[in-house]
Every structure is written in C-alpha cells, then in structure tokens.
Protein backbone atom coordinates (compact mmCIF):
# COMPACT_ATOMS: atom_id res chain seq x y z
CA MET A 1 0.03 -0.31 -0.01
CA ASN A 2 1.29 3.51 -0.92
CA ALA A 3 0.52 6.86 0.57
CA GLN A 4 -1.91 8.01 -1.79
CA THR A 5 -4.07 4.76 -1.46
CA LEU A 6 -3.96 5.61 2.33
CA PHE A 7 -4.66 9.03 1.80
CA TYR A 8 -7.93 7.77 -0.01
CA ILE A 9 -9.00 5.58 2.55
CA ILE A 10 -8.60 8.15 5.09
CA ILE A 11 -11.05 10.51 2.53
CA GLY A 12 -13.50 7.56 2.11
CA ILE A 13 -13.79 6.91 5.94
CA ILE A 14 -14.30 10.62 6.65
CA ILE A 15 -17.04 10.79 3.90
CA LEU A 16 -18.46 7.31 5.15
CA ASN A 17 -18.90 8.33 8.67
CA PHE A 18 -20.40 11.62 7.37
CA ILE A 19 -23.25 9.78 5.27
CA ILE A 20 -24.09 7.36 8.17
CA ASP A 21 -24.76 10.14 10.56
CA LYS A 22 -26.74 12.34 8.07
CA VAL A 23 -28.91 9.31 7.41
CA LEU A 24 -29.49 8.35 11.07
CA ASP A 25 -30.10 11.94 11.58
CA ALA A 26 -32.51 12.07 8.90
CA LEU A 27 -34.46 8.76 10.20
CA ASN A 28 -34.62 10.49 13.20
CA ALA A 29 -36.02 13.64 12.20
CA LYS A 30 -38.76 11.67 10.46
CA GLN A 31 -40.27 10.85 13.47
CA TYR A 32 -40.12 14.29 15.26
CA ASN A 33 -43.93 14.32 14.40
CA ASP A 34 -45.33 10.90 15.47
CA PRO A 35 -47.60 10.96 18.30
CA ILE A 36 -46.71 10.77 21.94
CA PRO A 37 -46.98 7.17 23.26
CA LYS A 38 -49.67 6.28 25.50
CA GLU A 39 -47.38 5.56 28.39
CA LEU A 40 -45.85 9.05 28.06
CA GLU A 41 -49.16 11.30 27.22
CA ASP A 42 -48.83 13.08 30.60
CA VAL A 43 -45.37 14.18 29.66
CA TYR A 44 -46.13 17.39 27.11
CA ASP A 45 -49.22 19.16 26.51
CA ALA A 46 -50.34 20.13 23.17
CA GLU A 47 -48.03 23.56 23.25
CA ALA A 48 -45.34 21.97 25.38
CA TYR A 49 -45.06 19.14 22.59
CA LYS A 50 -45.39 21.69 19.75
CA LYS A 51 -42.29 23.54 21.66
CA SER A 52 -40.47 20.53 21.62
CA GLN A 53 -40.73 19.49 18.24
CA ALA A 54 -39.68 23.09 17.05
CA TYR A 55 -36.61 22.60 19.35
CA LYS A 56 -35.90 19.22 17.66
CA LYS A 57 -36.40 20.89 14.03
CA THR A 58 -34.11 24.01 14.84
CA ASN A 59 -31.24 21.76 16.10
CA TYR A 60 -31.52 19.21 13.43
CA LYS A 61 -31.11 22.06 10.65
CA PHE A 62 -28.42 23.37 12.60
CA GLY A 63 -26.45 20.41 12.92
CA ILE A 64 -26.69 19.67 8.96
CA LEU A 65 -25.32 22.86 8.74
CA SER A 66 -22.39 22.83 11.25
CA SER A 67 -21.60 19.16 10.25
CA LEU A 68 -21.67 19.83 6.60
CA PHE A 69 -19.30 23.30 7.17
CA SER A 70 -16.93 20.75 9.26
CA LEU A 71 -16.75 17.88 6.35
CA LEU A 72 -15.96 20.55 3.80
CA LEU A 73 -13.38 22.44 6.05
CA THR A 74 -11.93 18.96 6.94
CA LEU A 75 -11.66 17.79 3.27
CA GLY A 76 -10.12 21.20 1.90
CA PHE A 77 -7.37 20.90 4.65
CA LEU A 78 -6.75 17.37 3.48
CA LEU A 79 -6.65 18.14 -0.05
CA LEU A 80 -4.66 21.29 0.16
CA ASP A 81 -1.83 19.83 2.47
CA GLY A 82 -2.88 21.76 5.51
CA PHE A 83 -1.04 19.35 7.85
CA GLU A 84 1.91 19.89 5.81
CA TYR A 85 1.90 23.57 5.85
CA VAL A 86 1.23 23.40 9.50
CA ASP A 87 4.07 21.16 10.14
CA ASN A 88 6.43 23.43 8.25
CA ILE A 89 5.51 26.46 10.32
CA ALA A 90 6.09 24.20 13.66
CA ARG A 91 9.58 23.27 12.42
CA SER A 92 10.43 26.56 11.69
CA PHE A 93 10.27 27.32 15.34
CA SER A 94 12.33 24.41 16.67
CA ALA A 95 14.12 21.21 15.75
CA ASN A 96 12.86 19.34 19.18
CA PRO A 97 10.18 16.84 18.14
CA ILE A 98 8.41 17.84 21.68
CA LEU A 99 8.01 21.59 20.52
CA ILE A 100 7.26 20.73 17.24
CA ALA A 101 4.44 18.44 18.25
CA LEU A 102 3.22 21.04 20.95
CA ILE A 103 3.31 24.33 18.07
CA PHE A 104 1.87 21.95 15.41
CA PHE A 105 -1.17 20.83 17.83
CA GLY A 106 -1.41 24.45 19.43
CA ILE A 107 -2.27 25.75 15.69
CA ILE A 108 -4.58 23.17 15.06
CA MET A 109 -6.23 23.32 18.25
CA ILE A 110 -6.51 27.38 18.40
CA GLY A 111 -7.50 27.26 14.51
CA SER A 112 -10.28 24.85 15.45
CA ASP A 113 -11.46 26.86 18.38
CA ILE A 114 -11.58 30.15 16.33
CA ILE A 115 -13.65 28.42 13.63
CA ALA A 116 -16.19 26.48 15.83
CA THR A 117 -16.92 29.55 18.21
CA PRO A 118 -19.23 31.52 16.00
CA PHE A 119 -21.20 28.00 15.59
CA SER A 120 -21.12 27.57 19.88
CA VAL A 121 -22.11 31.42 20.09
CA TYR A 122 -25.34 30.86 17.90
CA LYS A 123 -26.08 27.30 19.29
CA THR A 124 -25.94 29.35 22.62
CA PHE A 125 -27.07 32.80 22.26
CA VAL A 126 -29.71 31.97 19.70
CA ILE A 127 -31.22 28.53 19.72
CA GLU A 128 -30.90 27.68 23.57
CA GLU A 129 -32.12 31.41 24.19
CA LYS A 130 -34.67 31.44 21.60
CA PHE A 131 -36.00 28.15 23.51
CA GLY A 132 -35.70 29.51 27.05
CA PHE A 133 -32.57 27.45 28.15
CA ASN A 134 -30.00 29.59 27.95
CA LYS A 135 -28.74 31.59 31.17
CA THR A 136 -25.34 32.03 30.22
CA THR A 137 -24.05 35.75 30.01
CA VAL A 138 -21.40 36.96 27.35
CA ASN A 139 -18.37 37.32 30.04
CA THR A 140 -19.27 33.71 31.57
CA PHE A 141 -18.92 32.19 27.74
CA ILE A 142 -15.68 34.34 27.29
CA LEU A 143 -14.44 33.23 30.83
CA ASP A 144 -15.11 29.66 30.23
CA LYS A 145 -13.58 29.77 26.65
CA ILE A 146 -10.23 31.35 28.21
CA LYS A 147 -10.27 28.72 31.19
CA GLY A 148 -10.90 25.79 28.84
CA LEU A 149 -7.99 27.10 26.59
CA LEU A 150 -5.81 27.25 29.95
CA MET A 151 -6.58 23.99 30.73
CA THR A 152 -5.70 22.48 27.32
CA VAL A 153 -2.69 24.26 27.04
CA ILE A 154 -1.47 23.10 30.73
CA ILE A 155 -2.73 19.98 31.23
CA GLY A 156 -3.19 18.89 27.23
CA GLY A 157 -0.02 20.15 26.72
CA GLY A 158 1.89 18.62 29.54
CA ILE A 159 0.13 15.18 28.64
CA LEU A 160 1.03 15.46 24.92
CA ALA A 161 4.69 16.52 25.77
CA LEU A 162 5.06 13.59 28.00
CA ILE A 163 3.88 10.95 25.22
CA VAL A 164 6.10 12.46 23.09
CA TRP A 165 8.96 12.18 25.17
CA PHE A 166 7.90 8.54 26.08
CA TYR A 167 8.07 7.90 22.57
CA GLN A 168 11.56 9.44 21.96
CA VAL A 169 13.02 7.53 24.81
CA THR A 170 11.41 4.22 24.28
CA GLN A 171 10.19 3.88 20.64
CA ASP A 172 7.90 0.97 20.50
CA GLN A 173 7.21 0.49 24.14
CA PHE A 174 6.23 4.07 24.42
CA TRP A 175 2.34 2.43 24.73
CA LEU A 176 3.23 0.90 27.97
CA TYR A 177 4.49 4.04 29.80
CA THR A 178 1.69 6.15 28.14
CA TRP A 179 -0.73 3.81 29.15
CA GLY A 180 0.46 3.46 32.95
CA PHE A 181 0.81 7.47 33.37
CA VAL A 182 -3.08 7.62 31.43
CA THR A 183 -4.24 5.09 34.12
CA VAL A 184 -2.87 7.04 37.22
CA PHE A 185 -4.02 10.59 35.70
CA THR A 186 -7.51 8.80 35.03
CA VAL A 187 -8.02 7.34 38.43
CA PHE A 188 -6.48 10.73 40.19
CA THR A 189 -9.01 12.83 37.93
CA ASN A 190 -12.11 10.49 39.02
CA LEU A 191 -11.05 10.98 42.56
CA PHE A 192 -10.86 14.73 42.57
CA TYR A 193 -12.51 15.91 39.62
CA SER A 194 -14.88 17.80 42.05
CA ARG A 195 -12.31 19.17 44.23
CA LEU A 196 -9.82 20.61 41.51
CA ILE A 197 -11.81 21.13 38.23
CA VAL A 198 -15.35 21.84 39.07
CA PRO A 199 -14.40 25.11 41.07
CA LEU A 200 -12.72 26.71 38.27
CA PHE A 201 -16.32 26.61 36.60
CA ASN A 202 -19.02 26.66 39.23
CA LYS A 203 -19.27 27.49 42.84
CA GLN A 204 -20.50 24.53 44.71
CA LYS A 205 -21.66 24.49 48.30
CA PRO A 206 -22.50 21.67 50.71
CA LEU A 207 -26.41 20.91 51.09
CA GLU A 208 -28.04 22.89 53.52
CA ASP A 209 -29.04 20.96 56.82
CA GLY A 210 -33.17 20.35 56.26
CA SER A 211 -35.86 17.53 54.96
CA LEU A 212 -34.07 17.06 51.65
CA ARG A 213 -30.59 16.07 53.26
CA ASP A 214 -32.33 13.85 55.81
CA LYS A 215 -34.17 12.07 53.20
CA ILE A 216 -30.92 11.71 51.11
CA SER A 217 -28.97 10.48 54.18
CA GLU A 218 -31.85 8.27 55.50
CA TYR A 219 -31.90 6.46 52.01
CA ALA A 220 -28.34 5.78 51.99
CA LYS A 221 -27.90 4.67 55.48
CA SER A 222 -30.88 2.17 54.52
CA VAL A 223 -29.09 0.50 51.66
CA GLY A 224 -25.73 0.62 53.30
CA PHE A 225 -24.16 3.36 51.55
CA GLN A 226 -21.86 5.97 53.28
CA LEU A 227 -22.61 9.43 51.85
CA ASP A 228 -21.37 12.57 53.82
CA LYS A 229 -20.72 14.86 50.94
CA ILE A 230 -23.76 16.29 49.32
CA PHE A 231 -23.12 19.56 47.17
CA VAL A 232 -25.09 22.05 45.25
CA ILE A 233 -23.92 23.42 41.92
CA ASP A 234 -24.82 26.48 40.60
CA GLY A 235 -25.92 25.16 36.97
CA SER A 236 -28.26 27.77 36.59
CA LYS A 237 -25.56 30.37 35.78
CA ARG A 238 -25.58 28.52 32.06
CA SER A 239 -28.53 26.83 31.53
CA THR A 240 -31.97 25.77 32.66
CA LYS A 241 -31.31 22.26 32.15
CA ALA A 242 -31.11 19.73 35.18
CA ASN A 243 -28.54 16.99 36.31
CA ALA A 244 -27.03 15.19 39.15
CA TYR A 245 -23.89 13.21 39.29
CA PHE A 246 -21.69 11.19 41.80
CA SER A 247 -17.98 11.63 41.32
CA GLY A 248 -15.09 10.18 43.05
CA PHE A 249 -14.70 6.86 45.00
CA GLY A 250 -13.91 5.54 48.53
CA SER A 251 -13.73 8.67 50.92
CA GLU A 252 -13.95 11.17 48.19
CA LYS A 253 -17.20 9.90 46.50
CA ARG A 254 -19.83 12.68 46.70
CA VAL A 255 -23.12 13.47 44.83
CA THR A 256 -23.54 16.73 43.33
CA LEU A 257 -26.96 18.22 42.56
CA TYR A 258 -27.64 21.10 40.05
CA ASP A 259 -29.55 23.74 41.62
CA THR A 260 -32.09 23.51 38.71
CA LEU A 261 -32.50 19.74 39.82
CA VAL A 262 -33.38 21.09 43.16
CA ASN A 263 -35.87 23.58 41.99
CA ASP A 264 -37.50 21.20 39.58
CA LEU A 265 -38.14 18.10 41.37
CA ASP A 266 -39.83 17.76 44.74
CA GLU A 267 -37.63 15.64 47.66
CA GLU A 268 -39.21 12.27 46.81
CA GLU A 269 -38.08 12.75 43.01
CA ILE A 270 -34.78 13.64 43.94
CA VAL A 271 -33.97 11.01 46.33
CA ALA A 272 -35.42 8.40 43.67
CA VAL A 273 -32.58 9.96 41.10
CA LEU A 274 -30.01 9.31 43.77
CA ALA A 275 -31.06 6.05 44.31
CA HIS A 276 -30.64 5.45 40.56
CA GLU A 277 -27.09 6.83 41.01
CA VAL A 278 -26.38 4.28 44.16
CA GLY A 279 -27.49 1.73 41.98
CA HIS A 280 -24.43 2.44 39.59
CA TYR A 281 -21.94 2.53 42.65
CA LYS A 282 -23.76 -1.01 44.14
CA LYS A 283 -23.53 -2.74 40.85
CA LYS A 284 -20.01 -1.78 40.32
CA HIS A 285 -20.77 0.02 36.92
CA ILE A 286 -18.22 2.94 37.89
CA ILE A 287 -15.95 0.64 38.45
CA PHE A 288 -16.66 -1.61 35.28
CA ASN A 289 -16.61 1.61 33.09
CA LEU A 290 -13.34 3.03 34.35
CA ALA A 291 -11.80 -0.30 34.10
CA ALA A 292 -13.08 -0.71 30.46
CA SER A 293 -11.92 2.75 29.59
CA LEU A 294 -8.55 1.95 30.49
CA LEU A 295 -8.41 -1.51 28.73
CA LEU A 296 -9.65 -0.01 25.68
CA THR A 297 -7.17 3.05 25.73
CA GLY A 298 -4.20 0.32 26.29
CA LEU A 299 -5.56 -1.70 23.43
CA THR A 300 -5.68 1.53 21.39
CA LEU A 301 -1.89 2.62 22.45
CA TYR A 302 -0.75 -0.95 21.64
CA ILE A 303 -2.31 -0.78 17.99
CA LEU A 304 -0.76 2.87 17.85
CA SER A 305 2.55 1.40 18.86
CA ILE A 306 2.65 -0.92 15.99
CA PHE A 307 2.07 1.58 13.07
CA ILE A 308 3.01 4.93 14.29
CA SER A 309 6.97 4.40 13.03
CA ASN A 310 5.72 3.87 9.61
CA PRO A 311 6.19 6.88 7.63
CA LEU A 312 3.12 6.15 5.32
CA LEU A 313 0.97 7.64 8.03
CA SER A 314 2.57 10.90 7.67
CA ASN A 315 3.00 10.80 3.83
CA ALA A 316 -0.76 10.00 3.56
CA LEU A 317 -1.56 13.43 5.13
CA GLY A 318 0.91 15.10 2.74
CA VAL A 319 3.85 15.66 5.30
CA GLU A 320 7.24 14.42 3.74
CA ILE A 321 9.11 14.13 6.89
CA PRO A 322 7.99 11.46 9.16
CA SER A 323 6.87 12.27 12.73
CA PHE A 324 4.92 11.01 15.70
CA HIS A 325 2.75 13.92 16.02
CA VAL A 326 1.44 13.78 12.47
CA GLY A 327 1.41 10.01 12.40
CA LEU A 328 -0.84 10.47 15.48
CA ILE A 329 -3.33 12.31 13.27
CA ALA A 330 -3.41 9.80 10.55
CA PHE A 331 -3.93 6.88 12.88
CA GLY A 332 -7.09 8.46 14.73
CA LEU A 333 -8.87 9.12 11.23
CA LEU A 334 -8.07 5.48 10.35
CA TYR A 335 -8.85 3.95 13.57
CA ALA A 336 -12.38 6.01 13.81
CA PRO A 337 -14.20 3.03 12.48
CA ILE A 338 -12.64 0.77 15.12
CA SER A 339 -13.60 3.63 17.91
CA GLU A 340 -17.39 3.36 16.58
CA LEU A 341 -17.58 -0.16 17.18
CA THR A 342 -16.13 0.20 20.49
CA GLY A 343 -18.67 2.83 21.36
CA LEU A 344 -21.52 0.70 19.94
CA MET A 345 -20.56 -2.12 22.59
CA MET A 346 -20.03 0.56 25.29
CA ASN A 347 -23.23 2.09 24.59
CA HIS A 348 -25.21 -1.12 24.54
CA LEU A 349 -23.53 -1.86 27.81
CA SER A 350 -24.50 1.41 29.63
CA ARG A 351 -27.96 1.38 28.49
CA LYS A 352 -27.94 -2.37 30.32
CA PHE A 353 -26.53 -0.71 33.36
CA GLU A 354 -29.03 2.07 33.40
CA TYR A 355 -32.22 -0.61 33.26
CA GLN A 356 -30.16 -2.25 36.56
CA ALA A 357 -29.83 1.27 38.15
CA ASP A 358 -33.35 1.89 37.48
CA ASP A 359 -34.25 -1.65 39.00
CA TYR A 360 -32.19 -1.02 42.08
CA ALA A 361 -34.18 2.26 42.63
CA LYS A 362 -37.04 0.57 42.25
CA ASN A 363 -36.20 -2.10 44.55
CA THR A 364 -35.00 -0.13 47.56
CA TYR A 365 -36.93 2.89 46.93
CA ARG A 366 -39.90 3.64 44.64
CA ALA A 367 -40.53 3.52 41.31
CA GLU A 368 -43.17 6.14 40.87
CA PRO A 369 -40.95 9.22 42.19
CA LEU A 370 -38.09 7.96 39.58
CA LEU A 371 -40.67 7.72 36.59
CA SER A 372 -42.16 11.23 37.58
CA SER A 373 -38.66 12.54 37.67
CA LEU A 374 -37.48 11.19 34.17
CA LYS A 375 -40.92 12.65 32.67
CA LYS A 376 -40.03 16.00 34.34
CA LEU A 377 -36.58 16.39 33.37
CA SER A 378 -37.54 15.00 29.61
CA LYS A 379 -40.10 17.67 29.75
CA ASN A 380 -37.91 20.75 30.86
CA SER A 381 -35.18 19.72 28.26
CA LEU A 382 -37.70 19.25 25.65
CA SER A 383 -36.50 15.93 25.09
CA ASN A 384 -37.54 13.46 22.15
CA LEU A 385 -39.90 11.05 22.97
CA THR A 386 -40.02 9.34 19.53
CA PRO A 387 -36.55 8.69 18.39
CA HIS A 388 -35.69 6.00 15.59
CA PRO A 389 -34.36 2.80 16.97
CA ALA A 390 -31.72 2.78 14.50
CA TYR A 391 -30.48 6.30 16.05
CA VAL A 392 -31.25 5.08 19.72
CA PHE A 393 -28.69 2.04 19.02
CA MET A 394 -26.21 4.16 17.19
CA HIS A 395 -26.15 7.14 19.68
CA TYR A 396 -28.04 6.48 22.81
CA SER A 397 -26.13 5.79 26.05
CA HIS A 398 -29.38 5.47 28.14
CA PRO A 399 -32.66 3.88 26.98
CA THR A 400 -35.05 6.03 25.79
CA LEU A 401 -37.88 7.38 28.22
CA LEU A 402 -40.39 5.21 27.03
CA GLN A 403 -38.22 1.95 27.53
CA ARG A 404 -37.38 3.23 31.15
CA ALA A 405 -40.95 3.71 31.95
CA LEU A 406 -42.29 0.18 30.84
CA ASN A 407 -39.38 -1.31 32.54
CA LEU A 408 -40.04 0.61 35.98
CA LYS A 409 -43.73 -0.28 35.69
CA LYS A 410 -43.17 -4.01 35.66
C-alpha cells in the first residue's frame, strides 16, 4: 500500500462516517411529528409538545449546516496539504520533536476553536436562548473559553509532551509508559474532579441541613451506602437544564445536585434519582466503566505503537518528514471505524446498566418518583420522546424514556 491509497482510505472513512450520521439524523427527524406514546402522554401538553418539536427541528437543521461545514473544511484541509503547511510552521520554530508537536497541535487547536466559536455562540445565544434554556452571559461564555483554553494548554500540552518524550526515549515501548501514566491520571481525575476541576467553572456548596438532606441520608443509610458529601452546584448560571451526578470513590465519593434539579423536582423525586445513582455504585458500574475505558485505551495505544513508526502515516497526510505528531492524527482518522464499534459496545452495556440502576432504585426506594422525575426532566429539556430505533442503537448511552417507563412499571 502506498501513501496515496492510504490518503483515499482516510477520505473515504470521513465521507462514509458523515453519510451514516446524516442518514441516521434524517431517520430520526422523520419521527419528530409522531404522536406521543400512550405511556408518556402526561409528559407534554399540546403547546409544550409543539415547542419540543420546534426545538428538535431547529437543532436538526443547525446540525446539518455545522457538520457539512466541518466536513468541507476537513476535506479541504486534507486536499490542500494543510497538515504539511502547519508542520512546516512548527518546524520553523524548533528542531525539538516535543516543541514541534506542541506548536503543531497548538496551531490546529487554536484554529479549530476560532472556527468553531461562531457555531457555539449561535447555538448558545440564539437557539438555546430562543427556547428558554440559556442563562449564560457573554462574560461567562468568554471566561469559560479562556479557562478551557488554559486547561488544554497546561494539562493537554503537558500530557502530549510526556507522550512524545516517552516515544523518543522508548520507541515501540512508549505505549506501556503512556498507558501507565494515563491510568494514574484517569484515576486521579476521577477521584478529585469535583475538588479540583469543578471549582474553576462553578460554585458548589454543601446541601443545607433540612428535610431533603435528611431524606437522602436516611435512604443512603437504609442501603448501607455511606454518603456524607452532598453538594449543590450553580448549574443555573449557564442553563435551565437539570442534572445530578456522583463523582469520586472511596472517601472522596460525593453527590452533586444542580440547583436547577433541586428547583424542578420534589424531594421524593430527588431521592429516587440518587437511588438510581447509588445503584450504579452498588452494581459496580463505575468500576467496570473505568476499567473498560482503561483497557480500551491500552489496546488503542498498543495498536498505535505498531503503526506509528511507519512513514506512510505521515506521507498519507501529505507530510514529507515522518513524525509522531502527524502519524498520531493519521492513525486517529484511520482508527475511527474501530472507535465507532467499541463505542457501540460501550453504549449497549451502558443501556443495560441504566436498566439495572433503575431496577435498584425501584426495589430499594420506589418506581413512581423515579419515573415522574424522568418525565419532568424530559419535559424541561424538550427531549425527543419518539427517537428512531437505529438512532438510539448508534448514539444513545441511555434507554429511551419510553423503554425506561415500561421497565419501571413491570
């Protein structure tokens, strides 16, 4: 196989992936006007359902335009040897492989962010604003951008520099050292995410003493689940959409409630949502997902180590001087179909885990408040109640609301 053939394979993968995505989106869009299933008739009234349909159609049209623009930009960049151009710029500043990689990815990252920002602005301040979701101010949006950029430069740049250094020092064995580092970093991030990362973007405070905290503590105690750290986060500063999540494990485990969730649901419903999350812990889903993610990372890094030294990878992107950083991008593009398959498997398992967590909540608390909370959250986020089965299979990490409702009513 020569570099030109590999180039055409990369182009083919990109176009095929785009076509599959757009076909799935179109199939899904055809069902936007379907009647609400009988089991979910109490989610929307006529006016709210009309608003939900409008929201879905607006996002569908926006998605077509933004993804088509992204496709054309990517193909244009490849056909016009954009990676060669950026690589030459990076090499004009330094001969050090680590610095070259940092400059190379820095240029691509900044360029991509500049191009993507107008779409993000439109999505946030036009679409989300129009349908009553947006609470983000211009200052918050800009600060989020700056903080995100700094984190990417410091953390992302540091990780990239270390990986390139591993490669320079150990060559084919770099994947083992990288995997070891990624494992430690991932576990550390999972442990201290809420303590170190969240405060950079949101304010969080302990849930005040009162009936809600008492009910949560009482439930946790009834199932033998130690839960001392319960926090409320100011999610309303960006959106009206609600959420709740567990983070950390061991002594660092905590539950975080969005203030929007506390406002939207009654206390019984909030406890039911937490019972579902406790189910994930009790069923060891958190550990399984972490282990599976790390194993897939190790497999990917091992396969990368087999091919990364082949100059064909760099040459396929039009870059004459073979390098780790360009080979990494070519590998990522070629590996996309395998990533899609592993993603499908993980989504399938995730949907099974959601059923198991729902069953745990149903058996240790009650099904009714969990179902009513899911309905409220779906209504408040204008969720799609009639997604196409193929779209669900390919993209959903959770069962549909209808599937969860039927399971909870068993």
